[in-house]
Amino acid sequence: MSGVLSSVDARTKLVGQNRLEILLFHLGGSQYFAINVFKVQEVMRLPRLTVLPDCHPVVRGVTHLRGQTVPVVDLRQAIQMGPLNVKPEDATIIVTEYNMTVQAFLVSGVDRIVNMNWNEILPPPGGAGRNHYLTAITRIDNRIVEIIDVEKVLAEIAPYDTKLSDDVYEVDVLDRVRGKKILIVDDSRVALDQMRQVLEPMGLEVVEVRNGLDAYQLLMHWKETGMDIRDELTMVITDAEMPEMDGYMLTTEIRRDPELRELTVVLHTSLSGNFNKAMVQKVGCDAFLSKFAPHLMATEIQRLLREKFLA
């Protein structure tokens, strides 16, 4: 399976086409689960693990891969379905990179990679249980596929501290933009909450939506109602991977619109830095931010605000 995973060059061909590849896997039953292939480094049989004392209950242990110590997370247990009951020799790990860290997820088996259009990916239904751990659902072979909110899983294992000291904030910049809107776009509740904690102390009016299509429709609505978007909207901060319309396609649509093309657009994502540098150039984002680095977010956002309003 590891040889089937796309290279960065191959992945970039999907950008601007509103397409993605998902890796299907099982968690001890017939139900399909998935994550975006962009995040996957390799798939392999479960190696020997070293159990660490006092680690989080869903972390089965660590293994050593190519000079790195990699935690192995029981993904079934992490999404509150109970521990994965599988013999070690029958188990598989999916090695991933999120937020510039590498971790592996223990699963019972990997099925295949499927190439899809983002408009085939839908927001999850409301309700309790593991729906809280889904960013989206789709249907393949007439079966529901549940796409895991890995950011929520990782945030629960190692919570992020988003509180910043007052000296991070630049008074002259923030006095100029106080009360203006900033649009944040992400399908992860965890990500939206963390961005709010960084942005609201700036005095900005934070407007949030859960996918690129909703963001685009909101921008169209603001245009139709006569809002001075160039002045009232400071910028758009968008995730890359979202149901219905991804962040790359949203950026492409903004750049195509004569009234919106000058908007500052920032890509905010847990994908790898090298990949996103290529994407920023391809779709025309102004910058990208890796999740979740609150100090870097505050610094970069204020730099962009200074360029736009105080230059």
Protein backbone atom coordinates (compact mmCIF):
# COMPACT_ATOMS: atom_id res chain seq x y z
CA MET A 1 0.00 0.00 0.00
CA SER A 2 2.79 2.48 0.79
CA GLY A 3 3.89 2.40 -2.84
CA VAL A 4 0.42 3.42 -3.97
CA LEU A 5 0.36 6.67 -2.00
CA SER A 6 0.62 9.77 -4.15
CA SER A 7 3.71 11.93 -4.32
CA VAL A 8 3.53 15.67 -3.70
CA ASP A 9 3.75 16.34 -7.44
CA ALA A 10 0.82 14.01 -8.15
CA ARG A 11 -1.26 15.52 -5.35
CA THR A 12 -0.80 19.07 -6.62
CA LYS A 13 -2.55 18.07 -9.85
CA LEU A 14 -5.79 17.70 -7.87
CA VAL A 15 -5.60 21.26 -6.58
CA GLY A 16 -7.93 23.74 -8.29
CA GLN A 17 -10.11 20.84 -9.47
CA ASN A 18 -11.94 20.53 -6.13
CA ARG A 19 -10.81 16.91 -5.87
CA LEU A 20 -9.25 14.78 -3.17
CA GLU A 21 -8.07 11.26 -2.51
CA ILE A 22 -9.20 9.42 0.60
CA LEU A 23 -7.74 6.31 2.17
CA LEU A 24 -10.41 3.82 3.26
CA PHE A 25 -9.81 1.65 6.32
CA HIS A 26 -11.62 -0.41 8.97
CA LEU A 27 -11.66 -0.25 12.75
CA GLY A 28 -12.56 -3.83 13.58
CA GLY A 29 -15.76 -4.15 11.58
CA SER A 30 -17.24 -3.68 8.13
CA GLN A 31 -17.81 0.08 8.51
CA TYR A 32 -15.65 2.23 6.25
CA PHE A 33 -13.67 5.11 7.73
CA ALA A 34 -11.36 7.46 5.86
CA ILE A 35 -8.74 10.20 6.04
CA ASN A 36 -7.33 12.37 3.28
CA VAL A 37 -4.34 10.83 1.52
CA PHE A 38 -2.60 14.23 1.70
CA LYS A 39 -1.91 13.50 5.37
CA VAL A 40 -0.61 9.96 4.90
CA GLN A 41 3.11 9.15 4.72
CA GLU A 42 2.85 5.36 4.56
CA VAL A 43 0.85 2.30 5.54
CA MET A 44 2.54 -0.67 7.16
CA ARG A 45 2.05 -3.67 9.41
CA LEU A 46 2.10 -2.90 13.13
CA PRO A 47 5.76 -2.91 14.24
CA ARG A 48 6.98 -3.72 17.73
CA LEU A 49 5.84 -1.10 20.22
CA THR A 50 7.44 0.30 23.34
CA VAL A 51 4.85 1.03 26.01
CA LEU A 52 5.43 4.29 27.88
CA PRO A 53 4.29 4.90 31.46
CA ASP A 54 1.68 7.61 32.12
CA CYS A 55 0.85 8.15 28.45
CA HIS A 56 -2.66 8.95 27.23
CA PRO A 57 -4.99 5.90 27.37
CA VAL A 58 -5.51 5.83 23.59
CA VAL A 59 -1.75 5.75 22.87
CA ARG A 60 -0.76 2.08 22.58
CA GLY A 61 2.96 2.89 22.64
CA VAL A 62 5.69 4.29 20.43
CA THR A 63 7.72 2.89 17.58
CA HIS A 64 10.85 4.08 15.81
CA LEU A 65 10.55 4.88 12.10
CA ARG A 66 13.40 6.40 10.09
CA GLY A 67 15.02 8.00 13.08
CA GLN A 68 11.78 9.35 14.57
CA THR A 69 9.90 8.25 17.66
CA VAL A 70 6.29 7.91 16.54
CA PRO A 71 3.32 7.50 18.92
CA VAL A 72 0.78 4.88 17.86
CA VAL A 73 -2.83 5.87 18.59
CA ASP A 74 -5.69 3.38 18.84
CA LEU A 75 -8.03 5.30 16.55
CA ARG A 76 -11.07 3.19 17.41
CA GLN A 77 -10.66 3.97 21.11
CA ALA A 78 -9.90 7.64 20.38
CA ILE A 79 -13.30 8.12 18.74
CA GLN A 80 -15.05 6.42 21.65
CA MET A 81 -15.83 3.08 20.03
CA GLY A 82 -13.80 1.08 22.54
CA PRO A 83 -10.30 -0.42 22.13
CA LEU A 84 -9.40 -2.11 18.85
CA ASN A 85 -9.47 -5.87 19.44
CA VAL A 86 -7.09 -7.31 16.87
CA LYS A 87 -4.05 -9.54 17.02
CA PRO A 88 -0.79 -7.57 16.58
CA GLU A 89 0.15 -9.63 13.53
CA ASP A 90 -3.15 -8.69 11.87
CA ALA A 91 -3.02 -4.96 12.69
CA THR A 92 -1.98 -2.09 10.45
CA ILE A 93 -0.75 1.43 11.15
CA ILE A 94 -1.34 4.52 9.04
CA VAL A 95 1.61 6.89 9.47
CA THR A 96 0.50 10.51 9.11
CA GLU A 97 1.77 14.06 9.39
CA TYR A 98 -0.45 16.68 11.02
CA ASN A 99 0.60 20.09 12.26
CA MET A 100 4.28 19.33 11.59
CA THR A 101 4.18 16.22 13.81
CA VAL A 102 4.24 12.56 12.82
CA GLN A 103 1.96 10.01 14.43
CA ALA A 104 0.52 6.63 13.50
CA PHE A 105 -3.03 5.35 13.82
CA LEU A 106 -3.71 1.73 14.64
CA VAL A 107 -6.44 0.22 12.44
CA SER A 108 -7.61 -3.30 11.68
CA GLY A 109 -7.03 -3.02 7.96
CA VAL A 110 -6.70 -0.69 4.99
CA ASP A 111 -8.95 -1.08 1.98
CA ARG A 112 -7.97 1.24 -0.90
CA ILE A 113 -7.51 4.81 -2.11
CA VAL A 114 -10.47 6.52 -3.79
CA ASN A 115 -10.31 9.68 -5.90
CA MET A 116 -13.38 11.88 -5.36
CA ASN A 117 -14.80 15.33 -5.92
CA TRP A 118 -15.23 17.52 -2.84
CA ASN A 119 -18.89 18.11 -3.75
CA GLU A 120 -19.43 14.41 -3.03
CA ILE A 121 -18.21 14.96 0.53
CA LEU A 122 -20.95 16.15 2.90
CA PRO A 123 -20.98 17.57 6.43
CA PRO A 124 -21.70 14.92 9.08
CA PRO A 125 -25.13 14.62 10.68
CA GLY A 126 -25.63 16.13 14.10
CA GLY A 127 -25.95 14.04 17.24
CA ALA A 128 -23.88 12.40 19.91
CA GLY A 129 -21.40 9.55 19.82
CA ARG A 130 -18.69 9.33 17.22
CA ASN A 131 -20.36 11.97 15.00
CA HIS A 132 -18.42 14.44 17.13
CA TYR A 133 -15.26 12.91 15.65
CA LEU A 134 -16.28 13.27 12.00
CA THR A 135 -15.54 16.15 9.68
CA ALA A 136 -17.56 14.70 6.83
CA ILE A 137 -19.29 11.67 5.34
CA THR A 138 -19.56 10.31 1.82
CA ARG A 139 -20.92 7.25 0.05
CA ILE A 140 -18.84 4.65 -1.80
CA ASP A 141 -20.21 1.39 -3.22
CA ASN A 142 -23.59 2.34 -1.70
CA ARG A 143 -22.03 2.38 1.77
CA ILE A 144 -21.54 5.30 4.13
CA VAL A 145 -17.91 6.34 4.70
CA GLU A 146 -17.11 8.33 7.85
CA ILE A 147 -14.20 10.79 7.50
CA ILE A 148 -12.41 11.21 10.82
CA ASP A 149 -11.73 14.60 12.43
CA VAL A 150 -8.12 13.79 13.24
CA GLU A 151 -7.49 17.31 14.50
CA LYS A 152 -10.06 16.76 17.27
CA VAL A 153 -8.50 13.40 18.13
CA LEU A 154 -5.01 14.90 18.42
CA ALA A 155 -6.23 17.94 20.36
CA GLU A 156 -7.76 15.63 22.97
CA ILE A 157 -4.54 13.65 23.32
CA ALA A 158 -2.31 16.73 23.57
CA PRO A 159 -4.41 19.89 24.11
CA TYR A 160 -3.13 23.09 22.52
CA ASP A 161 -2.54 26.24 24.58
CA THR A 162 -3.91 29.16 22.57
CA LYS A 163 -3.58 31.83 25.26
CA LEU A 164 -1.21 34.61 24.23
CA SER A 165 0.42 37.34 26.26
CA ASP A 166 -0.64 40.94 25.68
CA ASP A 167 2.75 41.90 24.24
CA VAL A 168 2.07 39.74 21.17
CA TYR A 169 -0.60 42.17 20.01
CA GLU A 170 0.39 45.34 18.10
CA VAL A 171 -1.75 48.22 19.35
CA ASP A 172 -1.30 50.52 16.34
CA VAL A 173 -2.40 47.81 13.92
CA LEU A 174 -5.33 46.61 15.99
CA ASP A 175 -6.65 50.13 16.63
CA ARG A 176 -6.88 50.53 12.83
CA VAL A 177 -8.89 47.34 12.24
CA ARG A 178 -11.00 47.15 15.39
CA GLY A 179 -14.57 46.08 14.58
CA LYS A 180 -13.77 44.96 11.03
CA LYS A 181 -14.69 41.46 9.92
CA ILE A 182 -12.40 38.46 9.48
CA LEU A 183 -13.85 35.36 7.80
CA ILE A 184 -12.60 31.99 9.05
CA VAL A 185 -13.47 28.82 7.16
CA ASP A 186 -12.93 25.34 8.61
CA ASP A 187 -14.90 22.12 8.99
CA SER A 188 -13.29 21.38 12.37
CA ARG A 189 -14.96 22.81 15.47
CA VAL A 190 -11.64 22.50 17.29
CA ALA A 191 -9.87 24.61 14.65
CA LEU A 192 -12.58 27.29 14.64
CA ASP A 193 -12.50 27.59 18.42
CA GLN A 194 -8.71 27.88 18.47
CA MET A 195 -8.72 30.58 15.80
CA ARG A 196 -11.36 32.54 17.69
CA GLN A 197 -9.22 32.51 20.82
CA VAL A 198 -6.37 34.13 18.87
CA LEU A 199 -8.41 36.57 16.76
CA GLU A 200 -11.06 37.92 19.10
CA PRO A 201 -8.53 39.66 21.41
CA MET A 202 -7.51 41.64 18.31
CA GLY A 203 -10.90 43.34 18.38
CA LEU A 204 -11.95 41.77 15.07
CA GLU A 205 -15.49 40.59 14.36
CA VAL A 206 -14.93 36.89 13.68
CA VAL A 207 -17.34 35.37 11.15
CA GLU A 208 -17.10 31.59 10.84
CA VAL A 209 -18.41 29.08 8.32
CA ARG A 210 -17.83 25.34 8.02
CA ASN A 211 -16.87 24.86 4.36
CA GLY A 212 -15.68 26.66 1.26
CA LEU A 213 -19.06 26.65 -0.49
CA ASP A 214 -20.74 28.38 2.46
CA ALA A 215 -17.89 30.91 2.53
CA TYR A 216 -18.23 31.64 -1.19
CA GLN A 217 -22.00 32.04 -0.90
CA LEU A 218 -21.55 34.41 2.04
CA LEU A 219 -19.11 36.53 0.02
CA MET A 220 -21.64 36.65 -2.83
CA HIS A 221 -24.35 37.72 -0.37
CA TRP A 222 -22.16 40.49 0.99
CA LYS A 223 -21.52 41.69 -2.57
CA GLU A 224 -25.25 41.71 -3.38
CA THR A 225 -26.10 43.72 -0.26
CA GLY A 226 -23.55 46.40 -1.18
CA MET A 227 -21.05 45.74 1.57
CA ASP A 228 -17.65 47.40 1.00
CA ILE A 229 -15.81 44.07 1.21
CA ARG A 230 -12.37 45.50 0.49
CA ASP A 231 -12.59 47.77 3.54
CA GLU A 232 -14.90 45.92 5.97
CA LEU A 233 -13.45 42.42 5.48
CA THR A 234 -9.82 42.25 6.58
CA MET A 235 -9.10 38.79 5.16
CA VAL A 236 -10.23 35.20 4.67
CA ILE A 237 -8.50 32.43 6.60
CA THR A 238 -9.40 29.06 5.12
CA ASP A 239 -8.68 25.42 5.78
CA ALA A 240 -7.59 23.33 2.80
CA GLU A 241 -9.78 20.23 3.22
CA MET A 242 -13.52 20.80 3.59
CA PRO A 243 -16.78 19.25 2.36
CA GLU A 244 -18.41 20.52 -0.85
CA MET A 245 -15.65 23.04 -1.73
CA ASP A 246 -12.06 22.93 -0.53
CA GLY A 247 -9.91 25.91 0.40
CA TYR A 248 -7.92 25.78 -2.82
CA MET A 249 -11.08 26.00 -4.93
CA LEU A 250 -12.44 28.78 -2.71
CA THR A 251 -9.25 30.76 -3.28
CA THR A 252 -9.45 30.11 -7.02
CA GLU A 253 -13.03 31.42 -7.13
CA ILE A 254 -12.09 34.52 -5.13
CA ARG A 255 -9.21 35.28 -7.52
CA ARG A 256 -11.57 34.92 -10.52
CA ASP A 257 -14.01 37.53 -9.20
CA PRO A 258 -13.11 41.14 -10.13
CA GLU A 259 -14.65 42.48 -6.90
CA LEU A 260 -12.98 39.91 -4.64
CA ARG A 261 -9.64 39.19 -6.25
CA GLU A 262 -7.74 41.68 -4.08
CA LEU A 263 -8.90 40.03 -0.86
CA THR A 264 -6.16 38.73 1.42
CA VAL A 265 -6.51 34.94 1.60
CA VAL A 266 -4.55 32.82 4.07
CA LEU A 267 -4.40 29.04 3.91
CA HIS A 268 -4.58 27.58 7.43
CA THR A 269 -3.99 23.86 7.42
CA SER A 270 -2.41 20.86 9.08
CA LEU A 271 -0.89 19.71 5.79
CA SER A 272 2.89 19.75 5.45
CA GLY A 273 4.68 23.05 4.91
CA ASN A 274 6.44 22.04 1.69
CA PHE A 275 3.19 20.94 0.11
CA ASN A 276 1.43 24.15 1.05
CA LYS A 277 4.22 26.34 -0.29
CA ALA A 278 3.52 24.79 -3.67
CA MET A 279 -0.23 25.29 -3.22
CA VAL A 280 0.09 28.94 -2.18
CA GLN A 281 1.92 29.64 -5.42
CA LYS A 282 -0.49 27.61 -7.54
CA VAL A 283 -3.82 29.04 -6.35
CA GLY A 284 -2.67 32.51 -5.32
CA CYS A 285 -2.99 32.58 -1.54
CA ASP A 286 -1.18 35.42 0.22
CA ALA A 287 0.28 33.19 2.92
CA PHE A 288 -0.16 29.90 4.71
CA LEU A 289 -0.25 29.05 8.39
CA SER A 290 0.31 25.65 9.93
CA LYS A 291 -2.14 24.48 12.58
CA PHE A 292 -1.95 25.02 15.51
CA ALA A 293 0.63 27.67 16.24
CA PRO A 294 -1.20 30.57 17.93
CA HIS A 295 1.84 32.83 18.33
CA LEU A 296 2.79 32.44 14.66
CA MET A 297 -0.84 33.01 13.64
CA ALA A 298 -1.06 36.26 15.61
CA THR A 299 2.26 37.49 14.21
CA GLU A 300 1.44 36.64 10.58
CA ILE A 301 -2.12 37.99 10.69
CA GLN A 302 -0.90 41.30 12.13
CA ARG A 303 1.82 41.50 9.48
CA LEU A 304 -0.81 41.13 6.76
CA LEU A 305 -3.11 43.66 8.45
CA ARG A 306 -0.25 46.15 8.65
CA GLU A 307 0.49 45.71 4.93
CA LYS A 308 -3.15 46.19 3.98
CA PHE A 309 -4.20 49.05 6.27
CA LEU A 310 -1.02 50.87 7.34
CA ALA A 311 1.28 50.55 4.34
